[in-house]
Amino acid sequence: EELSMLQSLRARLIAVCVTITFISLLTLAAAIFFVVRSNTLEAADTRISQLTAARAEQVAAWAQDKQRITGALKAVVGHPEPVPFLLRTKEAGGLDNAFYVQADKTAVFPKPRPPEYDGTARPWYKLAVSTGGPAITPAYTDTTTGKLTISFVEPAKGADGQLLAVVGSDVHLTGIAEQVASIRPTEKSFAFMVDDAGKILAYSKPELVLKPV
């Protein structure tokens, strides 16, 4: 009987030791899992943040370049033959259109506008006047091409500060959208671009463009 009790006690001690060991290993495994998971997520977040910042700098540099080219159009305001200059600037600067509208409503485009066209009533003209300097319009769908487009605009002023015209350029966002769609930091991740109003400008699903994010 005493031997039986010793064997039973021994079995219980072994069971307790096995249980403690199992729980310890389980706890250690869980701790390692959560530490590794946290480090992995942190590394992924850092990588994505760096990639986002780099791409954002590229887009900003692209926009600054287009704005600078658009600003150069001010030199042609009042020129007797401005259209050839507009065409050369459009081609050299990678623009989809280059134009200006004078304060007296005279519109100068590579392709002439109808006589009743009043550029001074257009939102882009008013934006440049109200801003008083370089500005970018919200994205819109171009009625001629059906492509998502933004316009770079800037007022041209005389020596006395009086408004002479507003110069502008149109740029389709097709190339930017393709670049954004190609960004895949990981196999199952994707990138998209929104404007300051929260509307989608670039995404792999074109049907969602200009929808609220």
C-alpha atoms as a PDB file:
ATOM      1  CA  GLU A   1       0.000   0.000   0.000  1.00  0.00           C
ATOM      2  CA  GLU A   2       2.855   2.385   0.858  1.00  0.00           C
ATOM      3  CA  LEU A   3       4.551   1.552  -2.448  1.00  0.00           C
ATOM      4  CA  SER A   4       1.317   2.247  -4.296  1.00  0.00           C
ATOM      5  CA  MET A   5       1.024   5.668  -2.654  1.00  0.00           C
ATOM      6  CA  LEU A   6       4.638   6.496  -3.571  1.00  0.00           C
ATOM      7  CA  GLN A   7       4.010   5.524  -7.178  1.00  0.00           C
ATOM      8  CA  SER A   8       0.828   7.621  -7.260  1.00  0.00           C
ATOM      9  CA  LEU A   9       2.648  10.601  -5.749  1.00  0.00           C
ATOM     10  CA  ARG A  10       5.483  10.144  -8.214  1.00  0.00           C
ATOM     11  CA  ALA A  11       3.023  10.058 -11.098  1.00  0.00           C
ATOM     12  CA  ARG A  12       1.378  13.230  -9.851  1.00  0.00           C
ATOM     13  CA  LEU A  13       4.726  15.009  -9.538  1.00  0.00           C
ATOM     14  CA  ILE A  14       5.676  13.940 -13.029  1.00  0.00           C
ATOM     15  CA  ALA A  15       2.321  15.178 -14.322  1.00  0.00           C
ATOM     16  CA  VAL A  16       2.804  18.509 -12.539  1.00  0.00           C
ATOM     17  CA  CYS A  17       6.330  18.868 -13.963  1.00  0.00           C
ATOM     18  CA  VAL A  18       5.145  18.024 -17.476  1.00  0.00           C
ATOM     19  CA  THR A  19       2.296  20.510 -17.159  1.00  0.00           C
ATOM     20  CA  ILE A  20       4.598  23.261 -15.892  1.00  0.00           C
ATOM     21  CA  THR A  21       7.076  22.541 -18.700  1.00  0.00           C
ATOM     22  CA  PHE A  22       4.301  22.573 -21.313  1.00  0.00           C
ATOM     23  CA  ILE A  23       2.853  25.832 -20.038  1.00  0.00           C
ATOM     24  CA  SER A  24       6.333  27.391 -19.903  1.00  0.00           C
ATOM     25  CA  LEU A  25       7.102  26.333 -23.467  1.00  0.00           C
ATOM     26  CA  LEU A  26       3.705  27.550 -24.635  1.00  0.00           C
ATOM     27  CA  THR A  27       4.226  30.889 -22.904  1.00  0.00           C
ATOM     28  CA  LEU A  28       7.708  31.217 -24.384  1.00  0.00           C
ATOM     29  CA  ALA A  29       6.446  30.343 -27.858  1.00  0.00           C
ATOM     30  CA  ALA A  30       3.643  32.913 -27.560  1.00  0.00           C
ATOM     31  CA  ALA A  31       6.091  35.568 -26.378  1.00  0.00           C
ATOM     32  CA  ILE A  32       8.477  34.814 -29.272  1.00  0.00           C
ATOM     33  CA  PHE A  33       5.572  34.888 -31.733  1.00  0.00           C
ATOM     34  CA  PHE A  34       4.333  38.284 -30.577  1.00  0.00           C
ATOM     35  CA  VAL A  35       7.853  39.749 -30.482  1.00  0.00           C
ATOM     36  CA  VAL A  36       8.631  38.491 -33.987  1.00  0.00           C
ATOM     37  CA  ARG A  37       5.218  39.640 -35.220  1.00  0.00           C
ATOM     38  CA  SER A  38       5.717  43.091 -33.721  1.00  0.00           C
ATOM     39  CA  ASN A  39       9.196  43.406 -35.236  1.00  0.00           C
ATOM     40  CA  THR A  40       7.941  42.208 -38.627  1.00  0.00           C
ATOM     41  CA  LEU A  41       5.066  44.688 -38.654  1.00  0.00           C
ATOM     42  CA  GLU A  42       7.366  47.490 -37.524  1.00  0.00           C
ATOM     43  CA  ALA A  43       9.848  46.661 -40.288  1.00  0.00           C
ATOM     44  CA  ALA A  44       7.062  46.519 -42.880  1.00  0.00           C
ATOM     45  CA  ASP A  45       5.630  49.828 -41.667  1.00  0.00           C
ATOM     46  CA  THR A  46       9.065  51.453 -41.847  1.00  0.00           C
ATOM     47  CA  ARG A  47       9.628  50.135 -45.350  1.00  0.00           C
ATOM     48  CA  ILE A  48       6.221  51.309 -46.554  1.00  0.00           C
ATOM     49  CA  SER A  49       6.693  54.726 -44.932  1.00  0.00           C
ATOM     50  CA  GLN A  50      10.067  55.162 -46.624  1.00  0.00           C
ATOM     51  CA  LEU A  51       8.674  54.052 -49.971  1.00  0.00           C
ATOM     52  CA  THR A  52       5.686  56.384 -49.608  1.00  0.00           C
ATOM     53  CA  ALA A  53       7.909  59.342 -48.754  1.00  0.00           C
ATOM     54  CA  ALA A  54      10.198  58.634 -51.725  1.00  0.00           C
ATOM     55  CA  ARG A  55       7.290  58.353 -54.153  1.00  0.00           C
ATOM     56  CA  ALA A  56       5.653  61.466 -52.725  1.00  0.00           C
ATOM     57  CA  GLU A  57       8.875  63.405 -53.294  1.00  0.00           C
ATOM     58  CA  GLN A  58       8.920  62.215 -56.909  1.00  0.00           C
ATOM     59  CA  VAL A  59       5.334  63.366 -57.470  1.00  0.00           C
ATOM     60  CA  ALA A  60       6.063  66.697 -55.782  1.00  0.00           C
ATOM     61  CA  ALA A  61       9.120  67.220 -57.991  1.00  0.00           C
ATOM     62  CA  TRP A  62       7.046  66.330 -61.046  1.00  0.00           C
ATOM     63  CA  ALA A  63       4.360  68.859 -60.065  1.00  0.00           C
ATOM     64  CA  GLN A  64       6.939  71.571 -59.367  1.00  0.00           C
ATOM     65  CA  ASP A  65       8.497  70.980 -62.782  1.00  0.00           C
ATOM     66  CA  LYS A  66       5.120  71.294 -64.545  1.00  0.00           C
ATOM     67  CA  GLN A  67       4.317  74.420 -62.542  1.00  0.00           C
ATOM     68  CA  ARG A  68       7.666  75.971 -63.446  1.00  0.00           C
ATOM     69  CA  ILE A  69       7.113  75.250 -67.147  1.00  0.00           C
ATOM     70  CA  THR A  70       3.613  76.715 -66.934  1.00  0.00           C
ATOM     71  CA  GLY A  71       4.976  79.865 -65.294  1.00  0.00           C
ATOM     72  CA  ALA A  72       7.333  80.332 -68.244  1.00  0.00           C
ATOM     73  CA  LEU A  73       4.277  80.921 -70.438  1.00  0.00           C
ATOM     74  CA  LYS A  74       3.932  84.374 -68.880  1.00  0.00           C
ATOM     75  CA  ALA A  75       6.746  85.531 -71.156  1.00  0.00           C
ATOM     76  CA  VAL A  76       4.563  85.087 -74.244  1.00  0.00           C
ATOM     77  CA  VAL A  77       1.522  87.038 -73.017  1.00  0.00           C
ATOM     78  CA  GLY A  78       0.981  89.918 -75.414  1.00  0.00           C
ATOM     79  CA  HIS A  79       3.288  88.434 -78.079  1.00  0.00           C
ATOM     80  CA  PRO A  80       1.926  88.934 -81.632  1.00  0.00           C
ATOM     81  CA  GLU A  81       2.461  85.238 -82.514  1.00  0.00           C
ATOM     82  CA  PRO A  82       2.097  83.269 -79.269  1.00  0.00           C
ATOM     83  CA  VAL A  83       0.778  79.937 -80.585  1.00  0.00           C
ATOM     84  CA  PRO A  84       4.129  78.554 -81.871  1.00  0.00           C
ATOM     85  CA  PHE A  85       5.646  79.253 -78.440  1.00  0.00           C
ATOM     86  CA  LEU A  86       2.734  77.488 -76.753  1.00  0.00           C
ATOM     87  CA  LEU A  87       3.173  74.456 -78.991  1.00  0.00           C
ATOM     88  CA  ARG A  88       6.919  74.256 -78.362  1.00  0.00           C
ATOM     89  CA  THR A  89       6.417  74.571 -74.611  1.00  0.00           C
ATOM     90  CA  LYS A  90       3.698  71.923 -74.691  1.00  0.00           C
ATOM     91  CA  GLU A  91       5.928  69.463 -76.509  1.00  0.00           C
ATOM     92  CA  ALA A  92       9.138  70.178 -74.616  1.00  0.00           C
ATOM     93  CA  GLY A  93       7.458  70.221 -71.209  1.00  0.00           C
ATOM     94  CA  GLY A  94       5.389  67.075 -71.644  1.00  0.00           C
ATOM     95  CA  LEU A  95       2.140  69.004 -71.317  1.00  0.00           C
ATOM     96  CA  ASP A  96      -1.172  67.999 -72.850  1.00  0.00           C
ATOM     97  CA  ASN A  97      -2.201  71.600 -73.449  1.00  0.00           C
ATOM     98  CA  ALA A  98      -0.755  75.085 -72.943  1.00  0.00           C
ATOM     99  CA  PHE A  99      -2.767  78.284 -73.096  1.00  0.00           C
ATOM    100  CA  TYR A 100      -3.592  81.634 -71.566  1.00  0.00           C
ATOM    101  CA  VAL A 101      -6.590  83.918 -71.252  1.00  0.00           C
ATOM    102  CA  GLN A 102      -6.149  87.665 -70.993  1.00  0.00           C
ATOM    103  CA  ALA A 103      -8.071  89.871 -68.588  1.00  0.00           C
ATOM    104  CA  ASP A 104      -9.986  91.302 -71.575  1.00  0.00           C
ATOM    105  CA  LYS A 105     -11.250  87.724 -72.264  1.00  0.00           C
ATOM    106  CA  THR A 106      -8.954  87.152 -75.243  1.00  0.00           C
ATOM    107  CA  ALA A 107      -8.250  83.414 -75.260  1.00  0.00           C
ATOM    108  CA  VAL A 108      -5.065  82.017 -76.781  1.00  0.00           C
ATOM    109  CA  PHE A 109      -5.055  78.233 -77.297  1.00  0.00           C
ATOM    110  CA  PRO A 110      -3.252  75.996 -79.803  1.00  0.00           C
ATOM    111  CA  LYS A 111      -6.738  75.062 -80.988  1.00  0.00           C
ATOM    112  CA  PRO A 112      -8.912  78.211 -81.196  1.00  0.00           C
ATOM    113  CA  ARG A 113     -11.911  78.416 -78.906  1.00  0.00           C
ATOM    114  CA  PRO A 114     -15.408  79.482 -80.069  1.00  0.00           C
ATOM    115  CA  PRO A 115     -16.040  83.256 -80.121  1.00  0.00           C
ATOM    116  CA  GLU A 116     -18.402  82.966 -77.151  1.00  0.00           C
ATOM    117  CA  TYR A 117     -15.754  81.286 -74.990  1.00  0.00           C
ATOM    118  CA  ASP A 118     -15.147  83.253 -71.781  1.00  0.00           C
ATOM    119  CA  GLY A 119     -12.078  81.914 -70.034  1.00  0.00           C
ATOM    120  CA  THR A 120     -12.317  84.476 -67.244  1.00  0.00           C
ATOM    121  CA  ALA A 121     -15.443  82.693 -65.995  1.00  0.00           C
ATOM    122  CA  ARG A 122     -13.684  79.340 -65.742  1.00  0.00           C
ATOM    123  CA  PRO A 123     -12.848  77.901 -62.289  1.00  0.00           C
ATOM    124  CA  TRP A 124      -9.136  77.596 -63.140  1.00  0.00           C
ATOM    125  CA  TYR A 125      -8.947  81.283 -64.079  1.00  0.00           C
ATOM    126  CA  LYS A 126     -10.707  82.317 -60.875  1.00  0.00           C
ATOM    127  CA  LEU A 127      -8.437  80.003 -58.856  1.00  0.00           C
ATOM    128  CA  ALA A 128      -5.296  81.674 -60.195  1.00  0.00           C
ATOM    129  CA  VAL A 129      -6.714  85.155 -59.559  1.00  0.00           C
ATOM    130  CA  SER A 130      -7.833  84.339 -56.009  1.00  0.00           C
ATOM    131  CA  THR A 131      -4.560  82.575 -55.174  1.00  0.00           C
ATOM    132  CA  GLY A 132      -2.452  85.352 -56.636  1.00  0.00           C
ATOM    133  CA  GLY A 133       0.261  82.886 -57.612  1.00  0.00           C
ATOM    134  CA  PRO A 134       0.892  79.352 -58.881  1.00  0.00           C
ATOM    135  CA  ALA A 135      -1.987  76.941 -58.261  1.00  0.00           C
ATOM    136  CA  ILE A 136      -3.175  73.479 -59.223  1.00  0.00           C
ATOM    137  CA  THR A 137      -6.810  72.722 -59.928  1.00  0.00           C
ATOM    138  CA  PRO A 138      -8.640  69.741 -58.453  1.00  0.00           C
ATOM    139  CA  ALA A 139      -8.564  66.727 -60.748  1.00  0.00           C
ATOM    140  CA  TYR A 140     -11.340  66.482 -63.315  1.00  0.00           C
ATOM    141  CA  THR A 141     -12.292  64.344 -66.303  1.00  0.00           C
ATOM    142  CA  ASP A 142     -11.305  66.054 -69.536  1.00  0.00           C
ATOM    143  CA  THR A 143     -14.370  66.379 -71.750  1.00  0.00           C
ATOM    144  CA  THR A 144     -12.355  65.892 -74.944  1.00  0.00           C
ATOM    145  CA  THR A 145     -10.189  62.900 -74.038  1.00  0.00           C
ATOM    146  CA  GLY A 146     -12.099  61.442 -71.086  1.00  0.00           C
ATOM    147  CA  LYS A 147      -8.821  61.270 -69.140  1.00  0.00           C
ATOM    148  CA  LEU A 148      -8.268  62.376 -65.565  1.00  0.00           C
ATOM    149  CA  THR A 149      -6.590  65.776 -65.771  1.00  0.00           C
ATOM    150  CA  ILE A 150      -5.249  68.569 -63.605  1.00  0.00           C
ATOM    151  CA  SER A 151      -4.428  72.111 -64.673  1.00  0.00           C
ATOM    152  CA  PHE A 152      -1.473  74.191 -63.549  1.00  0.00           C
ATOM    153  CA  VAL A 153      -2.307  77.908 -63.567  1.00  0.00           C
ATOM    154  CA  GLU A 154      -0.619  81.171 -62.659  1.00  0.00           C
ATOM    155  CA  PRO A 155      -1.528  84.857 -63.032  1.00  0.00           C
ATOM    156  CA  ALA A 156       0.590  87.066 -65.285  1.00  0.00           C
ATOM    157  CA  LYS A 157       0.840  90.629 -64.008  1.00  0.00           C
ATOM    158  CA  GLY A 158       2.235  93.843 -65.417  1.00  0.00           C
ATOM    159  CA  ALA A 159       4.912  96.009 -63.850  1.00  0.00           C
ATOM    160  CA  ASP A 160       2.220  97.902 -61.950  1.00  0.00           C
ATOM    161  CA  GLY A 161       0.835  94.676 -60.515  1.00  0.00           C
ATOM    162  CA  GLN A 162      -2.260  94.738 -62.692  1.00  0.00           C
ATOM    163  CA  LEU A 163      -3.553  91.377 -63.928  1.00  0.00           C
ATOM    164  CA  LEU A 164      -2.783  90.851 -67.602  1.00  0.00           C
ATOM    165  CA  ALA A 165      -3.750  87.213 -68.042  1.00  0.00           C
ATOM    166  CA  VAL A 166      -3.808  83.771 -66.514  1.00  0.00           C
ATOM    167  CA  VAL A 167      -1.526  81.172 -68.084  1.00  0.00           C
ATOM    168  CA  GLY A 168      -2.243  77.491 -67.761  1.00  0.00           C
ATOM    169  CA  SER A 169      -1.440  73.971 -68.806  1.00  0.00           C
ATOM    170  CA  ASP A 170      -3.340  70.699 -68.745  1.00  0.00           C
ATOM    171  CA  VAL A 171      -1.651  67.440 -67.764  1.00  0.00           C
ATOM    172  CA  HIS A 172      -3.285  64.028 -67.864  1.00  0.00           C
ATOM    173  CA  LEU A 173      -2.680  61.841 -64.816  1.00  0.00           C
ATOM    174  CA  THR A 174      -2.420  58.619 -66.808  1.00  0.00           C
ATOM    175  CA  GLY A 175       1.326  58.283 -66.244  1.00  0.00           C
ATOM    176  CA  ILE A 176       1.060  59.021 -62.523  1.00  0.00           C
ATOM    177  CA  ALA A 177      -1.777  56.505 -62.171  1.00  0.00           C
ATOM    178  CA  GLU A 178       0.327  53.799 -63.839  1.00  0.00           C
ATOM    179  CA  GLN A 179       3.254  54.529 -61.523  1.00  0.00           C
ATOM    180  CA  VAL A 180       1.053  54.355 -58.432  1.00  0.00           C
ATOM    181  CA  ALA A 181      -0.580  51.101 -59.580  1.00  0.00           C
ATOM    182  CA  SER A 182       2.859  49.540 -59.995  1.00  0.00           C
ATOM    183  CA  ILE A 183       3.844  50.186 -56.363  1.00  0.00           C
ATOM    184  CA  ARG A 184       3.603  46.898 -54.461  1.00  0.00           C
ATOM    185  CA  PRO A 185       5.815  46.846 -51.342  1.00  0.00           C
ATOM    186  CA  THR A 186       4.651  43.283 -50.652  1.00  0.00           C
ATOM    187  CA  GLU A 187       2.829  40.658 -52.674  1.00  0.00           C
ATOM    188  CA  LYS A 188      -0.589  41.498 -51.255  1.00  0.00           C
ATOM    189  CA  SER A 189      -0.200  45.258 -50.780  1.00  0.00           C
ATOM    190  CA  PHE A 190      -1.112  48.123 -53.077  1.00  0.00           C
ATOM    191  CA  ALA A 191      -0.797  51.889 -53.318  1.00  0.00           C
ATOM    192  CA  PHE A 192      -3.252  54.630 -54.131  1.00  0.00           C
ATOM    193  CA  MET A 193      -3.176  58.425 -54.280  1.00  0.00           C
ATOM    194  CA  VAL A 194      -5.795  60.854 -53.019  1.00  0.00           C
ATOM    195  CA  ASP A 195      -6.137  64.611 -53.172  1.00  0.00           C
ATOM    196  CA  ASP A 196      -6.596  66.922 -50.188  1.00  0.00           C
ATOM    197  CA  ALA A 197     -10.374  66.518 -50.484  1.00  0.00           C
ATOM    198  CA  GLY A 198     -10.090  62.751 -49.998  1.00  0.00           C
ATOM    199  CA  LYS A 199     -10.907  61.798 -53.590  1.00  0.00           C
ATOM    200  CA  ILE A 200      -9.022  58.949 -55.239  1.00  0.00           C
ATOM    201  CA  LEU A 201      -6.710  60.114 -58.035  1.00  0.00           C
ATOM    202  CA  ALA A 202      -4.819  56.930 -58.792  1.00  0.00           C
ATOM    203  CA  TYR A 203      -5.665  53.325 -58.017  1.00  0.00           C
ATOM    204  CA  SER A 204      -5.498  49.942 -59.729  1.00  0.00           C
ATOM    205  CA  LYS A 205      -9.286  50.032 -60.142  1.00  0.00           C
ATOM    206  CA  PRO A 206     -10.008  52.929 -62.543  1.00  0.00           C
ATOM    207  CA  GLU A 207     -13.735  52.847 -61.775  1.00  0.00           C
ATOM    208  CA  LEU A 208     -12.992  54.219 -58.298  1.00  0.00           C
ATOM    209  CA  VAL A 209     -11.160  57.329 -59.533  1.00  0.00           C
ATOM    210  CA  LEU A 210     -12.652  60.565 -58.121  1.00  0.00           C
ATOM    211  CA  LYS A 211     -14.652  58.559 -55.585  1.00  0.00           C
ATOM    212  CA  PRO A 212     -14.317  59.499 -51.880  1.00  0.00           C
ATOM    213  CA  VAL A 213     -11.604  57.385 -50.293  1.00  0.00           C
END
